[in-house]
Amino acid sequence: MRGNKKIALIGEAAGFISPSSAEGLSYAFKSALDLANALEEGLEDYELKYKDNTANLINNIFLKNIKSKAMYNIFLRSIIMRSGLMSIDMNPNLF
């Protein structure tokens, strides 16, 4: 819930918190910016604009929810870590 016609919620108050790290500061800043952009043209229908503007945050949290299922499952995490999925090759000459 992001609020109603009389009040707008940002950050953790609006439910924008990372399920994998329990961190919400970056979501607070992003949702505040999304709210500011929704209010640029005035108060009329700002809640619909704010909802549209925060769609990326909702999708990001949804994907992190899926990711956290694997992060905190020992078996799945070990498979992912051994697979090298999204790993970064290190240049051995740098060390």
C-alpha atoms as a PDB file:
ATOM      1  CA  MET A   1       0.000   0.000   0.000  1.00  0.00           C
ATOM      2  CA  ARG A   2       1.409   3.364  -1.014  1.00  0.00           C
ATOM      3  CA  GLY A   3      -1.165   5.514   0.772  1.00  0.00           C
ATOM      4  CA  ASN A   4      -4.427   7.077  -0.369  1.00  0.00           C
ATOM      5  CA  LYS A   5      -5.746  10.376  -1.737  1.00  0.00           C
ATOM      6  CA  LYS A   6      -4.727  12.250   1.415  1.00  0.00           C
ATOM      7  CA  ILE A   7      -1.453  10.593   2.404  1.00  0.00           C
ATOM      8  CA  ALA A   8       1.493   9.062   0.573  1.00  0.00           C
ATOM      9  CA  LEU A   9       3.847   6.489   2.040  1.00  0.00           C
ATOM     10  CA  ILE A  10       7.477   5.997   1.026  1.00  0.00           C
ATOM     11  CA  GLY A  11      10.213   3.533   1.889  1.00  0.00           C
ATOM     12  CA  GLU A  12       9.505   0.937   4.551  1.00  0.00           C
ATOM     13  CA  ALA A  13       6.162   2.567   5.429  1.00  0.00           C
ATOM     14  CA  ALA A  14       4.992   1.733   1.897  1.00  0.00           C
ATOM     15  CA  GLY A  15       6.384  -1.804   2.142  1.00  0.00           C
ATOM     16  CA  PHE A  16       9.516  -1.118   0.088  1.00  0.00           C
ATOM     17  CA  ILE A  17      12.116  -3.220   1.893  1.00  0.00           C
ATOM     18  CA  SER A  18      14.540  -5.810   0.593  1.00  0.00           C
ATOM     19  CA  PRO A  19      13.511  -9.326   1.630  1.00  0.00           C
ATOM     20  CA  SER A  20      17.079 -10.586   1.277  1.00  0.00           C
ATOM     21  CA  SER A  21      18.928  -7.886   3.223  1.00  0.00           C
ATOM     22  CA  ALA A  22      16.143  -6.248   5.273  1.00  0.00           C
ATOM     23  CA  GLU A  23      17.504  -2.955   3.924  1.00  0.00           C
ATOM     24  CA  GLY A  24      15.171  -0.154   3.007  1.00  0.00           C
ATOM     25  CA  LEU A  25      17.161   3.075   2.760  1.00  0.00           C
ATOM     26  CA  SER A  26      17.716   2.912  -1.002  1.00  0.00           C
ATOM     27  CA  TYR A  27      14.041   2.071  -1.482  1.00  0.00           C
ATOM     28  CA  ALA A  28      13.141   5.103   0.637  1.00  0.00           C
ATOM     29  CA  PHE A  29      15.160   7.367  -1.638  1.00  0.00           C
ATOM     30  CA  LYS A  30      13.832   5.759  -4.824  1.00  0.00           C
ATOM     31  CA  SER A  31      10.212   5.866  -3.701  1.00  0.00           C
ATOM     32  CA  ALA A  32      10.604   9.488  -2.524  1.00  0.00           C
ATOM     33  CA  LEU A  33      11.870  10.403  -5.986  1.00  0.00           C
ATOM     34  CA  ASP A  34       8.991   8.474  -7.580  1.00  0.00           C
ATOM     35  CA  LEU A  35       6.540  10.385  -5.380  1.00  0.00           C
ATOM     36  CA  ALA A  36       8.165  13.729  -6.214  1.00  0.00           C
ATOM     37  CA  ASN A  37       7.860  12.933  -9.930  1.00  0.00           C
ATOM     38  CA  ALA A  38       4.197  11.990  -9.457  1.00  0.00           C
ATOM     39  CA  LEU A  39       3.535  15.316  -7.714  1.00  0.00           C
ATOM     40  CA  GLU A  40       5.264  17.481 -10.349  1.00  0.00           C
ATOM     41  CA  GLU A  41       2.017  18.149 -12.184  1.00  0.00           C
ATOM     42  CA  GLY A  42      -0.067  18.649  -9.053  1.00  0.00           C
ATOM     43  CA  LEU A  43      -2.157  16.623  -6.637  1.00  0.00           C
ATOM     44  CA  GLU A  44      -4.749  15.404  -9.119  1.00  0.00           C
ATOM     45  CA  ASP A  45      -4.387  11.642  -9.637  1.00  0.00           C
ATOM     46  CA  TYR A  46      -0.938  11.690  -8.027  1.00  0.00           C
ATOM     47  CA  GLU A  47      -1.616   8.322  -6.375  1.00  0.00           C
ATOM     48  CA  LEU A  48      -2.075   6.625  -9.768  1.00  0.00           C
ATOM     49  CA  LYS A  49       1.108   8.225 -11.111  1.00  0.00           C
ATOM     50  CA  TYR A  50       2.970   7.227  -7.948  1.00  0.00           C
ATOM     51  CA  LYS A  51       1.726   3.657  -8.330  1.00  0.00           C
ATOM     52  CA  ASP A  52       2.955   3.587 -11.935  1.00  0.00           C
ATOM     53  CA  ASN A  53       6.280   5.160 -10.952  1.00  0.00           C
ATOM     54  CA  THR A  54       6.923   2.541  -8.257  1.00  0.00           C
ATOM     55  CA  ALA A  55       6.150  -0.456 -10.474  1.00  0.00           C
ATOM     56  CA  ASN A  56       9.889  -1.082 -10.954  1.00  0.00           C
ATOM     57  CA  LEU A  57      10.407  -1.164  -7.178  1.00  0.00           C
ATOM     58  CA  ILE A  58       7.602  -3.693  -6.795  1.00  0.00           C
ATOM     59  CA  ASN A  59       9.128  -5.888  -9.519  1.00  0.00           C
ATOM     60  CA  ASN A  60      12.581  -5.587  -7.933  1.00  0.00           C
ATOM     61  CA  ILE A  61      11.257  -6.699  -4.544  1.00  0.00           C
ATOM     62  CA  PHE A  62       9.347  -9.566  -6.161  1.00  0.00           C
ATOM     63  CA  LEU A  63      12.521 -10.815  -7.854  1.00  0.00           C
ATOM     64  CA  LYS A  64      14.487 -10.463  -4.614  1.00  0.00           C
ATOM     65  CA  ASN A  65      11.841 -12.582  -2.890  1.00  0.00           C
ATOM     66  CA  ILE A  66      12.480 -15.329  -5.405  1.00  0.00           C
ATOM     67  CA  LYS A  67      16.254 -14.891  -5.056  1.00  0.00           C
ATOM     68  CA  SER A  68      16.084 -15.047  -1.259  1.00  0.00           C
ATOM     69  CA  LYS A  69      14.491 -18.500  -1.421  1.00  0.00           C
ATOM     70  CA  ALA A  70      17.692 -19.795  -3.019  1.00  0.00           C
ATOM     71  CA  MET A  71      20.043 -17.663  -0.904  1.00  0.00           C
ATOM     72  CA  TYR A  72      18.842 -19.119   2.370  1.00  0.00           C
ATOM     73  CA  ASN A  73      18.475 -22.725   1.235  1.00  0.00           C
ATOM     74  CA  ILE A  74      21.811 -24.485   1.851  1.00  0.00           C
ATOM     75  CA  PHE A  75      21.332 -27.049  -0.918  1.00  0.00           C
ATOM     76  CA  LEU A  76      20.221 -24.556  -3.597  1.00  0.00           C
ATOM     77  CA  ARG A  77      22.878 -22.027  -2.584  1.00  0.00           C
ATOM     78  CA  SER A  78      25.663 -24.602  -2.896  1.00  0.00           C
ATOM     79  CA  ILE A  79      24.484 -25.596  -6.379  1.00  0.00           C
ATOM     80  CA  ILE A  80      24.325 -21.962  -7.498  1.00  0.00           C
ATOM     81  CA  MET A  81      27.752 -21.148  -6.045  1.00  0.00           C
ATOM     82  CA  ARG A  82      29.351 -24.186  -7.759  1.00  0.00           C
ATOM     83  CA  SER A  83      27.695 -23.305 -11.070  1.00  0.00           C
ATOM     84  CA  GLY A  84      29.538 -19.989 -11.282  1.00  0.00           C
ATOM     85  CA  LEU A  85      26.305 -18.289 -12.341  1.00  0.00           C
ATOM     86  CA  MET A  86      26.897 -14.535 -12.681  1.00  0.00           C
ATOM     87  CA  SER A  87      30.443 -14.894 -11.366  1.00  0.00           C
ATOM     88  CA  ILE A  88      33.155 -12.441 -12.310  1.00  0.00           C
ATOM     89  CA  ASP A  89      36.450 -13.647 -13.749  1.00  0.00           C
ATOM     90  CA  MET A  90      39.349 -12.156 -11.854  1.00  0.00           C
ATOM     91  CA  ASN A  91      42.561 -11.194 -13.618  1.00  0.00           C
ATOM     92  CA  PRO A  92      45.287 -13.114 -11.743  1.00  0.00           C
ATOM     93  CA  ASN A  93      47.881 -10.516 -12.851  1.00  0.00           C
ATOM     94  CA  LEU A  94      46.234  -7.924 -10.624  1.00  0.00           C
ATOM     95  CA  PHE A  95      47.211  -9.714  -7.420  1.00  0.00           C
END
